[in-house]
Amino acid sequence: MGGGPITPEAFLTTATVYLEENNGTAYYEDRYERSDTQCSTYTDEYGDTYEDCWTEYWTEYECYADLDLRWTVNGTEHQAWEYSPTLYDSSPCLSAIEDVFPNGTNLTIVVDPNDPSSHQAFELAIMTEVDEEHQGFLTGYTESSFLEWAGYGRAVLVSVCSMDAAVAYTFDGEDYVRDIWGESPATEGWGSSCLVDYIESFGPGSVVAVMVDTENPSEAGWEDPTTDPGAFIGTAMCCSAIIFLAAFVLTGKGGTARPWGAPIHHHSQFDHRPSRHHRHRGRHRRRHHGHTHGSSRSRGSSHRSSGGSRSSGGGGRRSGGGGRSGGGGRGRR
């Protein structure tokens, strides 16, 4: 994997959740009444067409925190407001979000060494320095966080770490350097950051397994690197095969600066952003059916169509401090 050295400690620090009486972090619970209507049509043996529609109704709760974060770099304290990931459920969840982010909770964040007041929380991204021997090739590491139910009414902050990598490998005596974006090996951290351990496992100089297209060895990836799996399988069957090779994370020499927020060349964004997962412990739905009959004559094919609506119900709840506005959170949807 490509890029020069990387020192996570230069970018990572610990932020603490602040809450004191009516000041600081606030917690919110929004309640929504949801509905979803689906219809199916079918034609009987006499050519009569029928439509059957049903609507499901359920209540959904969304809980989150407006976090007052404090961190110290070189003796200077910094402060910022940050919305937490959202917790979804079919039952009230305010107490669960309070338990995840109580006063004094420590969170791993990324700060700009040149401006420690500039930070990233819950969506972290850092990259290697420039590799002098392979200009233009960098490896970027990301950590995305989301809330997940862990059982017994308890929620936990889960972090997922992945990378967009540049790898160097040799095939049939030829050396190749290749960017591989997306679908990388990933690790999870339940209740803690996984970024430092991930970089220790997949940092510059580490060895990983990649697949190389033997018809075009410059193409490599974590999975089948060809664009047409069917065509590739045919090629593999007649005259070639996918080969697993050892690829090395590229290492660099010298230099300590990394442009803050600089993109990986030829790539606009990191691909792994799972922090907005929409997960539920279960929905308690009620169903209403409707039935119509028509005389149009059509073939015996059937189709399904669906349409949904969502409207906010009986308001929400809050607790804790005043939040950034002292009002009602980030707004109803």
Protein backbone atom coordinates (compact mmCIF):
# COMPACT_ATOMS: atom_id res chain seq x y z
CA MET A 1 0.00 0.00 0.00
CA GLY A 2 1.25 3.40 -0.99
CA GLY A 3 2.40 6.58 0.57
CA GLY A 4 5.14 7.68 2.89
CA PRO A 5 5.23 7.43 6.68
CA ILE A 6 2.22 8.18 8.85
CA THR A 7 2.09 9.11 12.52
CA PRO A 8 -1.49 8.83 13.82
CA GLU A 9 -0.54 10.39 17.15
CA ALA A 10 0.16 13.67 15.36
CA PHE A 11 -3.53 13.95 14.39
CA LEU A 12 -5.47 12.00 17.04
CA THR A 13 -6.41 13.34 20.43
CA THR A 14 -9.06 12.75 23.08
CA ALA A 15 -12.12 14.97 23.43
CA THR A 16 -14.27 14.88 26.56
CA VAL A 17 -18.05 15.29 26.71
CA TYR A 18 -18.97 18.24 28.94
CA LEU A 19 -22.23 18.57 30.89
CA GLU A 20 -22.83 20.59 34.05
CA GLU A 21 -26.36 21.20 35.28
CA ASN A 22 -28.09 23.19 32.51
CA ASN A 23 -24.95 23.87 30.50
CA GLY A 24 -23.31 21.79 27.83
CA THR A 25 -24.39 18.54 26.17
CA ALA A 26 -28.07 17.98 25.47
CA TYR A 27 -29.91 14.78 24.55
CA TYR A 28 -32.89 14.53 22.22
CA GLU A 29 -35.57 12.01 21.36
CA ASP A 30 -37.79 12.60 18.31
CA ARG A 31 -40.88 10.49 17.63
CA TYR A 32 -42.32 9.89 14.18
CA GLU A 33 -45.41 8.12 12.95
CA ARG A 34 -44.43 6.26 9.82
CA SER A 35 -46.50 4.59 7.14
CA ASP A 36 -45.77 2.63 4.01
CA THR A 37 -48.29 1.64 1.33
CA GLN A 38 -47.66 -1.18 -1.13
CA CYS A 39 -49.83 -2.54 -3.91
CA SER A 40 -49.72 -5.64 -6.05
CA THR A 41 -51.74 -6.44 -9.17
CA TYR A 42 -52.53 -9.78 -10.72
CA THR A 43 -54.70 -11.12 -13.54
CA ASP A 44 -56.84 -14.19 -13.15
CA GLU A 45 -57.50 -16.88 -15.73
CA TYR A 46 -60.47 -14.92 -17.13
CA GLY A 47 -58.39 -11.84 -17.81
CA ASP A 48 -59.75 -9.81 -14.91
CA THR A 49 -57.18 -7.64 -13.15
CA TYR A 50 -57.16 -7.18 -9.40
CA GLU A 51 -55.21 -4.82 -7.20
CA ASP A 52 -54.53 -5.47 -3.55
CA CYS A 53 -53.14 -2.62 -1.43
CA TRP A 54 -52.11 -2.54 2.19
CA THR A 55 -50.65 0.09 4.46
CA GLU A 56 -48.36 -0.56 7.39
CA TYR A 57 -48.09 1.91 10.27
CA TRP A 58 -45.42 2.12 12.93
CA THR A 59 -43.85 4.51 15.39
CA GLU A 60 -40.16 5.28 15.11
CA TYR A 61 -37.91 6.99 17.64
CA GLU A 62 -34.69 8.79 16.76
CA CYS A 63 -32.30 9.71 19.56
CA TYR A 64 -29.09 11.71 19.41
CA ALA A 65 -26.90 14.04 21.45
CA ASP A 66 -25.74 17.58 20.82
CA LEU A 67 -22.28 17.14 22.29
CA ASP A 68 -20.22 19.85 23.95
CA LEU A 69 -16.70 18.56 23.29
CA ARG A 70 -13.55 19.86 25.01
CA TRP A 71 -9.95 18.92 24.20
CA THR A 72 -6.50 20.28 25.03
CA VAL A 73 -3.50 20.55 22.70
CA ASN A 74 -0.20 22.04 23.87
CA GLY A 75 -1.84 23.43 26.99
CA THR A 76 -4.67 25.21 25.13
CA GLU A 77 -8.27 24.05 25.57
CA HIS A 78 -10.53 23.93 22.54
CA GLN A 79 -14.32 23.55 22.38
CA ALA A 80 -16.78 22.58 19.65
CA TRP A 81 -20.33 21.31 19.23
CA GLU A 82 -20.86 18.02 17.48
CA TYR A 83 -24.02 16.03 16.79
CA SER A 84 -23.67 12.36 17.61
CA PRO A 85 -24.76 9.58 15.26
CA THR A 86 -28.47 8.81 15.51
CA LEU A 87 -29.92 5.84 17.38
CA TYR A 88 -33.10 4.38 15.84
CA ASP A 89 -35.68 2.20 17.53
CA SER A 90 -39.36 1.36 17.76
CA SER A 91 -39.35 2.23 21.47
CA PRO A 92 -38.26 5.33 23.44
CA CYS A 93 -34.47 5.58 23.47
CA LEU A 94 -33.60 8.80 25.32
CA SER A 95 -32.06 7.01 28.29
CA ALA A 96 -29.95 4.87 25.96
CA ILE A 97 -28.38 7.90 24.29
CA GLU A 98 -27.74 9.45 27.72
CA ASP A 99 -25.88 6.30 28.75
CA VAL A 100 -23.69 6.31 25.62
CA PHE A 101 -22.51 9.92 26.03
CA PRO A 102 -22.62 10.85 29.73
CA ASN A 103 -20.58 13.69 31.17
CA GLY A 104 -16.87 12.83 31.05
CA THR A 105 -17.07 10.39 28.12
CA ASN A 106 -13.84 10.33 26.11
CA LEU A 107 -13.98 10.25 22.31
CA THR A 108 -11.16 9.96 19.79
CA ILE A 109 -11.09 12.86 17.33
CA VAL A 110 -8.76 14.09 14.58
CA VAL A 111 -7.30 17.60 14.83
CA ASP A 112 -5.21 19.65 12.41
CA PRO A 113 -1.72 19.93 13.96
CA ASN A 114 -1.41 23.41 12.45
CA ASP A 115 -4.82 24.47 13.81
CA PRO A 116 -5.91 22.25 16.72
CA SER A 117 -9.30 23.96 16.85
CA SER A 118 -10.11 22.32 13.49
CA HIS A 119 -11.38 18.82 14.16
CA GLN A 120 -13.17 15.72 12.84
CA ALA A 121 -15.46 13.61 15.01
CA PHE A 122 -17.25 10.34 14.18
CA GLU A 123 -15.96 10.56 10.58
CA LEU A 124 -12.15 10.49 10.79
CA ALA A 125 -9.75 10.56 7.83
CA ILE A 126 -5.97 10.79 7.73
CA MET A 127 -3.45 9.88 5.05
CA THR A 128 0.20 9.03 4.59
CA GLU A 129 2.85 11.50 3.59
CA VAL A 130 4.03 11.66 -0.01
CA ASP A 131 6.26 8.76 -1.03
CA GLU A 132 9.37 10.18 -2.72
CA GLU A 133 9.90 6.97 -4.70
CA HIS A 134 6.27 6.79 -5.91
CA GLN A 135 5.05 10.34 -6.39
CA GLY A 136 1.28 10.75 -6.44
CA PHE A 137 0.53 7.55 -4.52
CA LEU A 138 -0.92 7.89 -1.03
CA THR A 139 -2.88 5.64 1.31
CA GLY A 140 -5.81 7.11 3.22
CA TYR A 141 -7.31 5.66 6.39
CA THR A 142 -10.86 6.29 7.61
CA GLU A 143 -12.92 5.59 10.70
CA SER A 144 -16.70 5.93 10.65
CA SER A 145 -18.84 5.55 13.75
CA PHE A 146 -22.49 4.66 14.29
CA LEU A 147 -24.72 3.57 17.16
CA GLU A 148 -25.80 -0.05 17.48
CA TRP A 149 -27.99 -1.87 19.96
CA ALA A 150 -25.98 -4.28 22.09
CA GLY A 151 -28.82 -5.96 23.95
CA TYR A 152 -30.60 -5.42 27.26
CA GLY A 153 -31.64 -1.93 26.19
CA ARG A 154 -28.04 -0.78 25.91
CA ALA A 155 -26.54 1.00 22.91
CA VAL A 156 -22.86 1.18 21.99
CA LEU A 157 -20.78 3.37 19.69
CA VAL A 158 -19.25 1.18 16.98
CA SER A 159 -16.32 2.32 14.84
CA VAL A 160 -15.44 0.83 11.44
CA CYS A 161 -11.97 1.36 9.98
CA SER A 162 -10.95 0.90 6.35
CA MET A 163 -8.57 2.35 3.78
CA ASP A 164 -8.06 3.51 0.22
CA ALA A 165 -4.68 2.03 -0.55
CA ALA A 166 -1.83 2.24 -3.02
CA VAL A 167 -0.03 -1.09 -3.30
CA ALA A 168 3.25 -2.19 -4.89
CA TYR A 169 3.62 -5.74 -6.20
CA THR A 170 5.60 -7.81 -8.68
CA PHE A 171 4.13 -10.09 -11.34
CA ASP A 172 6.20 -12.06 -13.86
CA GLY A 173 9.24 -10.01 -12.97
CA GLU A 174 7.52 -6.66 -13.58
CA ASP A 175 6.90 -4.12 -10.81
CA TYR A 176 3.52 -2.42 -10.52
CA VAL A 177 2.03 0.29 -8.31
CA ARG A 178 -1.74 0.46 -8.15
CA ASP A 179 -4.40 2.47 -6.29
CA ILE A 180 -7.16 0.30 -4.81
CA TRP A 181 -10.18 2.21 -3.53
CA GLY A 182 -13.10 0.70 -1.69
CA GLU A 183 -13.89 -2.79 -0.38
CA SER A 184 -10.69 -2.93 1.64
CA PRO A 185 -10.19 -5.13 4.69
CA ALA A 186 -12.12 -3.56 7.57
CA THR A 187 -12.11 -3.85 11.33
CA GLU A 188 -14.60 -2.80 14.00
CA GLY A 189 -14.19 -1.34 17.46
CA TRP A 190 -17.10 -1.69 19.88
CA GLY A 191 -17.04 1.18 22.33
CA SER A 192 -13.61 2.39 21.25
CA SER A 193 -11.69 3.78 18.28
CA CYS A 194 -10.13 1.27 15.89
CA LEU A 195 -7.98 3.66 13.86
CA VAL A 196 -4.62 3.33 15.63
CA ASP A 197 -4.77 -0.49 15.69
CA TYR A 198 -5.90 -0.52 12.05
CA ILE A 199 -2.94 1.58 10.92
CA GLU A 200 -0.61 -0.63 12.94
CA SER A 201 -1.97 -3.61 11.00
CA PHE A 202 -2.16 -2.00 7.54
CA GLY A 203 0.31 0.88 7.75
CA PRO A 204 3.22 1.64 5.38
CA GLY A 205 5.45 -1.41 4.96
CA SER A 206 2.80 -3.98 5.87
CA VAL A 207 2.01 -6.95 3.64
CA VAL A 208 -1.49 -7.60 2.30
CA ALA A 209 -3.07 -10.05 -0.14
CA VAL A 210 -4.41 -8.68 -3.43
CA MET A 211 -5.81 -10.24 -6.59
CA VAL A 212 -4.23 -9.52 -9.97
CA ASP A 213 -5.78 -9.96 -13.40
CA THR A 214 -3.30 -12.20 -15.18
CA GLU A 215 -4.55 -10.91 -18.56
CA ASN A 216 -3.80 -7.34 -17.45
CA PRO A 217 -1.39 -7.43 -14.49
CA SER A 218 -1.65 -3.68 -13.94
CA GLU A 219 -5.19 -4.29 -12.66
CA ALA A 220 -5.35 -5.36 -9.04
CA GLY A 221 -7.96 -5.26 -6.31
CA TRP A 222 -9.27 -6.74 -3.12
CA GLU A 223 -11.84 -8.61 -5.20
CA ASP A 224 -12.17 -9.59 -8.87
CA PRO A 225 -10.54 -6.57 -10.58
CA THR A 226 -12.28 -7.04 -13.94
CA THR A 227 -15.37 -5.06 -14.84
CA ASP A 228 -17.24 -8.02 -16.32
CA PRO A 229 -17.14 -11.01 -13.94
CA GLY A 230 -18.71 -13.30 -16.51
CA ALA A 231 -16.12 -12.49 -19.17
CA PHE A 232 -13.33 -12.82 -16.64
CA ILE A 233 -14.53 -16.22 -15.50
CA GLY A 234 -14.50 -17.36 -19.12
CA THR A 235 -10.96 -16.08 -19.57
CA ALA A 236 -9.90 -17.73 -16.35
CA MET A 237 -11.35 -21.05 -17.40
CA CYS A 238 -9.59 -21.15 -20.72
CA CYS A 239 -6.22 -19.64 -20.19
CA SER A 240 -5.61 -17.82 -16.90
CA ALA A 241 -6.51 -17.58 -13.25
CA ILE A 242 -6.74 -15.07 -10.48
CA ILE A 243 -3.52 -15.12 -8.52
CA PHE A 244 -3.03 -13.94 -4.96
CA LEU A 245 0.16 -11.96 -4.53
CA ALA A 246 1.92 -10.30 -1.64
CA ALA A 247 1.70 -6.53 -1.95
CA PHE A 248 3.67 -4.14 0.21
CA VAL A 249 2.49 -0.85 1.61
CA LEU A 250 4.72 1.74 0.01
CA THR A 251 7.20 3.47 2.29
CA GLY A 252 8.73 6.90 1.86
CA LYS A 253 11.76 8.78 3.05
CA GLY A 254 11.96 12.13 4.77
CA GLY A 255 9.36 14.83 5.13
CA THR A 256 7.00 15.43 7.99
CA ALA A 257 4.24 17.62 6.54
CA ARG A 258 0.96 16.36 5.22
CA PRO A 259 -1.41 18.89 3.62
CA TRP A 260 -4.50 19.09 5.85
CA GLY A 261 -7.46 17.66 3.99
CA ALA A 262 -5.46 16.99 0.82
CA PRO A 263 -7.24 14.46 -1.40
CA ILE A 264 -5.79 11.25 -2.68
CA HIS A 265 -4.90 11.84 -6.32
CA HIS A 266 -7.47 10.67 -8.89
CA HIS A 267 -10.02 10.01 -6.14
CA SER A 268 -12.57 12.42 -4.78
CA GLN A 269 -13.81 10.82 -1.57
CA PHE A 270 -13.19 7.90 0.72
CA ASP A 271 -15.74 5.17 0.06
CA HIS A 272 -16.57 3.81 3.50
CA ARG A 273 -19.11 6.01 5.32
CA PRO A 274 -21.32 3.73 7.38
CA SER A 275 -22.05 6.08 10.23
CA ARG A 276 -25.62 6.76 9.20
CA HIS A 277 -26.73 3.15 9.48
CA HIS A 278 -30.47 2.86 9.92
CA ARG A 279 -30.81 -0.05 12.30
CA HIS A 280 -33.84 -1.15 14.30
CA ARG A 281 -34.48 -3.65 17.04
CA GLY A 282 -37.91 -4.27 15.52
CA ARG A 283 -40.99 -2.47 14.32
CA HIS A 284 -44.46 -2.93 15.75
CA ARG A 285 -46.65 -2.41 12.71
CA ARG A 286 -50.33 -2.45 12.11
CA ARG A 287 -51.70 -3.21 8.66
CA HIS A 288 -54.75 -2.02 6.75
CA HIS A 289 -55.85 -3.75 3.52
CA GLY A 290 -57.72 -2.43 0.53
CA HIS A 291 -58.98 -4.41 -2.47
CA THR A 292 -60.12 -3.29 -5.92
CA HIS A 293 -61.37 -5.16 -9.02
CA GLY A 294 -61.14 -4.13 -12.65
CA SER A 295 -62.10 -5.68 -15.99
CA SER A 296 -59.06 -4.75 -18.03
CA ARG A 297 -57.56 -7.69 -19.87
CA SER A 298 -53.85 -8.12 -19.71
CA ARG A 299 -51.23 -10.84 -19.66
CA GLY A 300 -50.74 -12.77 -16.47
CA SER A 301 -47.71 -10.80 -15.31
CA SER A 302 -47.77 -9.07 -11.95
CA HIS A 303 -45.96 -6.12 -10.48
CA ARG A 304 -45.49 -4.44 -7.14
CA SER A 305 -45.36 -0.77 -6.45
CA SER A 306 -44.72 0.95 -3.18
CA GLY A 307 -45.07 4.40 -1.80
CA GLY A 308 -44.37 5.72 1.62
CA SER A 309 -45.09 8.68 3.77
CA ARG A 310 -43.68 9.87 7.05
CA SER A 311 -44.97 12.47 9.42
CA SER A 312 -43.88 13.56 12.85
CA GLY A 313 -46.12 12.54 15.67
CA GLY A 314 -46.50 13.74 19.22
CA GLY A 315 -43.29 15.74 19.52
CA GLY A 316 -40.17 14.64 21.30
CA ARG A 317 -38.24 14.77 24.56
CA ARG A 318 -34.93 16.20 25.69
CA SER A 319 -32.64 16.16 28.69
CA GLY A 320 -29.24 17.38 29.80
CA GLY A 321 -27.85 20.85 29.19
CA GLY A 322 -28.87 23.59 26.84
CA GLY A 323 -27.12 22.28 23.74
CA ARG A 324 -25.72 24.74 21.24
CA SER A 325 -29.02 26.59 20.86
CA GLY A 326 -30.81 25.92 24.12
CA GLY A 327 -33.76 24.91 21.95
CA GLY A 328 -35.05 21.85 20.20
CA GLY A 329 -32.04 20.12 18.75
CA ARG A 330 -31.21 19.92 15.06
CA GLY A 331 -34.77 20.28 13.78
CA ARG A 332 -37.61 17.94 12.99
CA ARG A 333 -37.76 15.95 9.77
